[in-house]
């Protein structure tokens, strides 16, 4: 964990005005690092919350927003399922699997 703090502090210092230390931060995290370690070992609940929120939202906002693509994929799956005679994509997907009905028993 200390090595990760050092790396995060180093990343902060490379930016203009960055003055982080491994002991006191502030730490800047890039999403290429092991975010799981931060979520597991960070003692500050607010830090964990901010990291998790950023990770979850990274593909649904700004230039990386892919919600339109995801919704279009869902729409196309539904079209294919109906074309093949299934009520929905779940029924189509389950047709080749052990479960035979999408309902929960």
N, C-alpha and C. Protein backbone atom coordinates (compact mmCIF):
# COMPACT_ATOMS: atom_id res chain seq x y z
N UNK A 1 0.83 -1.20 0.00
CA UNK A 1 0.00 0.00 0.00
C UNK A 1 0.87 1.26 0.00
N UNK A 2 1.98 1.22 0.73
CA UNK A 2 2.87 2.38 0.78
C UNK A 2 3.42 2.67 -0.62
N UNK A 3 3.77 1.61 -1.35
CA UNK A 3 4.30 1.80 -2.70
C UNK A 3 3.25 2.44 -3.60
N UNK A 4 1.99 2.04 -3.44
CA UNK A 4 0.91 2.64 -4.24
C UNK A 4 0.71 4.10 -3.88
N UNK A 5 0.82 4.43 -2.59
CA UNK A 5 0.70 5.83 -2.17
C UNK A 5 1.83 6.66 -2.77
N UNK A 6 3.04 6.09 -2.76
CA UNK A 6 4.17 6.81 -3.35
C UNK A 6 3.92 7.07 -4.83
N UNK A 7 3.43 6.05 -5.54
CA UNK A 7 3.16 6.21 -6.97
C UNK A 7 2.07 7.26 -7.20
N UNK A 8 1.03 7.24 -6.39
CA UNK A 8 -0.06 8.21 -6.54
C UNK A 8 0.43 9.62 -6.23
N UNK A 9 1.28 9.76 -5.22
CA UNK A 9 1.84 11.07 -4.89
C UNK A 9 2.75 11.55 -6.02
N UNK A 10 3.54 10.65 -6.58
CA UNK A 10 4.44 10.99 -7.68
C UNK A 10 3.62 11.49 -8.87
N UNK A 11 2.50 10.81 -9.16
CA UNK A 11 1.62 11.22 -10.25
C UNK A 11 1.10 12.64 -10.01
N UNK A 12 0.76 12.97 -8.77
CA UNK A 12 0.28 14.31 -8.42
C UNK A 12 1.38 15.34 -8.61
N UNK A 13 2.59 15.03 -8.19
CA UNK A 13 3.69 15.99 -8.28
C UNK A 13 4.06 16.31 -9.72
N UNK A 14 3.78 15.40 -10.64
CA UNK A 14 4.10 15.64 -12.05
C UNK A 14 3.19 16.69 -12.66
N UNK A 15 2.07 16.97 -12.05
CA UNK A 15 1.13 17.96 -12.54
C UNK A 15 1.52 19.34 -12.02
N UNK A 16 1.17 20.40 -12.74
CA UNK A 16 1.47 21.75 -12.25
C UNK A 16 0.85 21.98 -10.87
N UNK A 17 1.64 22.48 -9.95
CA UNK A 17 1.14 22.77 -8.61
C UNK A 17 1.04 21.54 -7.72
N UNK A 18 1.45 20.39 -8.21
CA UNK A 18 1.37 19.16 -7.41
C UNK A 18 2.42 19.17 -6.30
N UNK A 19 2.00 18.87 -5.08
CA UNK A 19 2.94 18.87 -3.96
C UNK A 19 2.64 17.73 -3.00
N UNK A 20 2.21 16.61 -3.51
CA UNK A 20 1.80 15.49 -2.67
C UNK A 20 2.98 14.78 -2.05
N UNK A 21 2.71 14.16 -0.92
CA UNK A 21 3.68 13.26 -0.30
C UNK A 21 3.00 11.91 -0.13
N UNK A 22 3.81 10.86 0.00
CA UNK A 22 3.25 9.52 0.17
C UNK A 22 2.46 9.40 1.47
N UNK A 23 2.88 10.15 2.48
CA UNK A 23 2.24 10.04 3.79
C UNK A 23 0.95 10.85 3.89
N UNK A 24 0.95 12.07 3.34
CA UNK A 24 -0.18 12.97 3.56
C UNK A 24 -1.00 13.29 2.32
N UNK A 25 -0.57 12.83 1.14
CA UNK A 25 -1.33 13.12 -0.07
C UNK A 25 -1.19 14.58 -0.46
N UNK A 26 -2.07 15.16 -1.22
CA UNK A 26 -3.20 14.47 -1.84
C UNK A 26 -2.71 13.57 -2.96
N UNK A 27 -3.39 12.46 -3.13
CA UNK A 27 -3.00 11.48 -4.14
C UNK A 27 -3.92 11.61 -5.33
N UNK A 28 -3.36 11.54 -6.50
CA UNK A 28 -4.13 11.52 -7.73
C UNK A 28 -4.06 10.10 -8.28
N UNK A 29 -5.21 9.54 -8.61
CA UNK A 29 -5.25 8.17 -9.09
C UNK A 29 -5.66 8.14 -10.55
N UNK A 30 -4.95 7.36 -11.33
CA UNK A 30 -5.33 7.10 -12.71
C UNK A 30 -6.06 5.77 -12.71
N UNK A 31 -7.00 5.60 -13.62
CA UNK A 31 -7.79 4.38 -13.59
C UNK A 31 -7.03 3.16 -14.10
N UNK A 32 -5.82 3.34 -14.58
CA UNK A 32 -5.02 2.20 -14.96
C UNK A 32 -4.42 1.48 -13.76
N UNK A 33 -4.45 2.11 -12.60
CA UNK A 33 -3.88 1.47 -11.42
C UNK A 33 -4.91 0.54 -10.79
N UNK A 34 -4.49 -0.15 -9.78
CA UNK A 34 -5.36 -1.11 -9.09
C UNK A 34 -6.32 -0.38 -8.16
N UNK A 35 -7.48 -0.01 -8.70
CA UNK A 35 -8.49 0.71 -7.92
C UNK A 35 -9.02 -0.18 -6.81
N UNK A 36 -9.01 -1.48 -7.03
CA UNK A 36 -9.48 -2.42 -6.01
C UNK A 36 -8.71 -2.29 -4.70
N UNK A 37 -7.42 -2.04 -4.80
CA UNK A 37 -6.62 -1.86 -3.59
C UNK A 37 -7.04 -0.61 -2.82
N UNK A 38 -7.35 0.45 -3.54
CA UNK A 38 -7.82 1.67 -2.88
C UNK A 38 -9.14 1.38 -2.18
N UNK A 39 -10.05 0.72 -2.87
CA UNK A 39 -11.36 0.43 -2.28
C UNK A 39 -11.23 -0.50 -1.08
N UNK A 40 -10.26 -1.37 -1.12
CA UNK A 40 -10.10 -2.34 -0.03
C UNK A 40 -9.35 -1.77 1.18
N UNK A 41 -8.31 -0.98 0.93
CA UNK A 41 -7.43 -0.58 2.01
C UNK A 41 -7.55 0.87 2.46
N UNK A 42 -8.17 1.73 1.68
CA UNK A 42 -8.27 3.13 2.10
C UNK A 42 -9.11 3.21 3.37
N UNK A 43 -8.62 3.93 4.34
CA UNK A 43 -9.33 4.03 5.61
C UNK A 43 -10.36 5.15 5.61
N UNK A 44 -10.26 6.08 4.69
CA UNK A 44 -11.18 7.20 4.62
C UNK A 44 -12.38 6.82 3.73
N UNK A 45 -13.55 6.77 4.34
CA UNK A 45 -14.75 6.35 3.61
C UNK A 45 -15.06 7.28 2.43
N UNK A 46 -14.84 8.57 2.60
CA UNK A 46 -15.12 9.53 1.53
C UNK A 46 -14.21 9.29 0.33
N UNK A 47 -12.96 8.92 0.57
CA UNK A 47 -12.03 8.60 -0.52
C UNK A 47 -12.54 7.38 -1.28
N UNK A 48 -12.93 6.34 -0.56
CA UNK A 48 -13.44 5.13 -1.22
C UNK A 48 -14.68 5.47 -2.05
N UNK A 49 -15.56 6.28 -1.50
CA UNK A 49 -16.79 6.65 -2.20
C UNK A 49 -16.47 7.42 -3.49
N UNK A 50 -15.55 8.38 -3.41
CA UNK A 50 -15.20 9.17 -4.59
C UNK A 50 -14.55 8.31 -5.67
N UNK A 51 -13.69 7.39 -5.26
CA UNK A 51 -13.03 6.51 -6.24
C UNK A 51 -14.06 5.60 -6.90
N UNK A 52 -14.93 4.99 -6.11
CA UNK A 52 -15.94 4.09 -6.68
C UNK A 52 -16.89 4.85 -7.61
N UNK A 53 -17.32 6.02 -7.21
CA UNK A 53 -18.22 6.82 -8.04
C UNK A 53 -17.55 7.17 -9.36
N UNK A 54 -16.29 7.54 -9.32
CA UNK A 54 -15.56 7.88 -10.55
C UNK A 54 -15.41 6.67 -11.47
N UNK A 55 -15.12 5.52 -10.90
CA UNK A 55 -14.96 4.30 -11.72
C UNK A 55 -16.28 3.92 -12.38
N UNK A 56 -17.35 3.96 -11.62
CA UNK A 56 -18.66 3.56 -12.14
C UNK A 56 -19.14 4.52 -13.22
N UNK A 57 -18.83 5.80 -13.08
CA UNK A 57 -19.35 6.81 -14.00
C UNK A 57 -18.47 7.07 -15.21
N UNK A 58 -17.31 6.45 -15.28
CA UNK A 58 -16.38 6.83 -16.34
C UNK A 58 -16.87 6.54 -17.76
N UNK A 59 -17.77 5.59 -17.94
CA UNK A 59 -18.28 5.30 -19.28
C UNK A 59 -19.68 5.84 -19.51
N UNK A 60 -20.16 6.69 -18.61
CA UNK A 60 -21.51 7.22 -18.78
C UNK A 60 -21.56 8.73 -18.67
N UNK A 61 -20.42 9.37 -18.89
CA UNK A 61 -20.40 10.83 -18.85
C UNK A 61 -19.22 11.34 -19.67
N UNK A 62 -19.33 12.58 -20.09
CA UNK A 62 -18.23 13.21 -20.82
C UNK A 62 -17.94 12.57 -22.15
N UNK A 63 -16.68 12.64 -22.54
CA UNK A 63 -16.29 12.14 -23.87
C UNK A 63 -16.36 10.62 -23.96
N UNK A 64 -16.39 9.92 -22.83
CA UNK A 64 -16.45 8.45 -22.83
C UNK A 64 -17.87 7.91 -22.67
N UNK A 65 -18.86 8.78 -22.77
CA UNK A 65 -20.25 8.36 -22.58
C UNK A 65 -20.65 7.39 -23.68
N UNK A 66 -20.94 6.15 -23.30
CA UNK A 66 -21.32 5.15 -24.30
C UNK A 66 -22.74 4.64 -24.09
N UNK A 67 -23.56 5.42 -23.40
CA UNK A 67 -24.95 4.99 -23.16
C UNK A 67 -25.73 4.82 -24.45
N UNK A 68 -25.53 5.69 -25.43
CA UNK A 68 -26.24 5.56 -26.70
C UNK A 68 -25.90 4.23 -27.38
N UNK A 69 -24.64 3.87 -27.34
CA UNK A 69 -24.19 2.60 -27.94
C UNK A 69 -24.83 1.42 -27.20
N UNK A 70 -24.84 1.47 -25.88
CA UNK A 70 -25.42 0.38 -25.08
C UNK A 70 -26.91 0.23 -25.37
N UNK A 71 -27.64 1.34 -25.42
CA UNK A 71 -29.07 1.27 -25.69
C UNK A 71 -29.35 0.75 -27.10
N UNK A 72 -28.51 1.13 -28.05
CA UNK A 72 -28.67 0.64 -29.42
C UNK A 72 -28.41 -0.87 -29.47
N UNK A 73 -27.44 -1.35 -28.73
CA UNK A 73 -27.18 -2.80 -28.68
C UNK A 73 -28.39 -3.54 -28.10
N UNK A 74 -28.98 -3.00 -27.05
CA UNK A 74 -30.17 -3.62 -26.46
C UNK A 74 -31.32 -3.66 -27.45
N UNK A 75 -31.50 -2.55 -28.17
CA UNK A 75 -32.58 -2.48 -29.16
C UNK A 75 -32.37 -3.51 -30.27
N UNK A 76 -31.15 -3.64 -30.75
CA UNK A 76 -30.84 -4.62 -31.81
C UNK A 76 -31.03 -6.05 -31.31
N UNK A 77 -30.63 -6.33 -30.07
CA UNK A 77 -30.84 -7.67 -29.52
C UNK A 77 -32.32 -8.02 -29.48
N UNK A 78 -33.13 -7.06 -29.07
CA UNK A 78 -34.57 -7.27 -29.01
C UNK A 78 -35.13 -7.53 -30.40
N UNK A 79 -34.68 -6.78 -31.39
CA UNK A 79 -35.13 -6.97 -32.77
C UNK A 79 -34.78 -8.37 -33.27
N UNK A 80 -33.55 -8.79 -33.03
CA UNK A 80 -33.11 -10.12 -33.48
C UNK A 80 -33.94 -11.21 -32.81
N UNK A 81 -34.16 -11.08 -31.52
CA UNK A 81 -34.94 -12.08 -30.79
C UNK A 81 -36.35 -12.18 -31.36
N UNK A 82 -37.00 -11.06 -31.58
CA UNK A 82 -38.37 -11.08 -32.14
C UNK A 82 -38.38 -11.66 -33.55
N UNK A 83 -37.37 -11.31 -34.36
CA UNK A 83 -37.27 -11.83 -35.71
C UNK A 83 -37.16 -13.36 -35.71
N UNK A 84 -36.47 -13.90 -34.70
CA UNK A 84 -36.29 -15.34 -34.59
C UNK A 84 -37.44 -16.04 -33.86
N UNK A 85 -38.46 -15.27 -33.50
CA UNK A 85 -39.64 -15.86 -32.90
C UNK A 85 -39.65 -15.94 -31.38
N UNK A 86 -38.76 -15.24 -30.73
CA UNK A 86 -38.71 -15.23 -29.27
C UNK A 86 -39.39 -13.97 -28.74
N UNK A 87 -39.90 -14.07 -27.53
CA UNK A 87 -40.58 -12.93 -26.92
C UNK A 87 -39.59 -11.79 -26.62
N UNK A 88 -38.39 -12.14 -26.22
CA UNK A 88 -37.37 -11.13 -25.89
C UNK A 88 -35.99 -11.77 -25.97
N UNK A 89 -34.95 -10.95 -25.75
CA UNK A 89 -33.59 -11.45 -25.86
C UNK A 89 -33.26 -12.47 -24.77
N UNK A 90 -33.85 -12.31 -23.60
CA UNK A 90 -33.61 -13.27 -22.53
C UNK A 90 -34.04 -14.67 -22.95
N UNK A 91 -35.22 -14.76 -23.55
CA UNK A 91 -35.72 -16.06 -24.01
C UNK A 91 -34.80 -16.63 -25.09
N UNK A 92 -34.32 -15.80 -26.00
CA UNK A 92 -33.39 -16.26 -27.04
C UNK A 92 -32.10 -16.78 -26.41
N UNK A 93 -31.56 -16.02 -25.49
CA UNK A 93 -30.31 -16.42 -24.85
C UNK A 93 -30.46 -17.73 -24.08
N UNK A 94 -31.57 -17.89 -23.39
CA UNK A 94 -31.78 -19.10 -22.60
C UNK A 94 -32.09 -20.33 -23.46
N UNK A 95 -32.46 -20.12 -24.71
CA UNK A 95 -32.84 -21.24 -25.57
C UNK A 95 -31.70 -22.22 -25.79
N UNK A 96 -30.48 -21.81 -25.62
CA UNK A 96 -29.33 -22.71 -25.81
C UNK A 96 -28.66 -23.07 -24.50
N UNK A 97 -29.31 -22.73 -23.40
CA UNK A 97 -28.72 -22.98 -22.09
C UNK A 97 -29.57 -23.94 -21.29
N UNK A 98 -29.09 -24.28 -20.12
CA UNK A 98 -29.78 -25.24 -19.27
C UNK A 98 -31.18 -24.75 -18.86
N UNK A 99 -31.28 -23.49 -18.45
CA UNK A 99 -32.58 -22.94 -18.06
C UNK A 99 -33.43 -22.80 -19.32
N UNK A 100 -34.69 -23.10 -19.24
CA UNK A 100 -35.55 -23.05 -20.42
C UNK A 100 -36.51 -21.86 -20.42
N UNK A 101 -36.72 -21.26 -19.24
CA UNK A 101 -37.66 -20.14 -19.14
C UNK A 101 -36.98 -18.97 -18.42
N UNK A 102 -37.29 -17.73 -18.84
CA UNK A 102 -36.69 -16.59 -18.16
C UNK A 102 -37.32 -16.30 -16.81
N UNK A 103 -38.45 -16.92 -16.49
CA UNK A 103 -39.09 -16.67 -15.21
C UNK A 103 -38.30 -17.33 -14.08
N UNK A 104 -38.34 -16.70 -12.92
CA UNK A 104 -37.71 -17.28 -11.72
C UNK A 104 -38.72 -18.15 -11.03
N UNK A 105 -38.34 -19.39 -10.70
CA UNK A 105 -39.32 -20.26 -10.03
C UNK A 105 -39.14 -20.23 -8.54
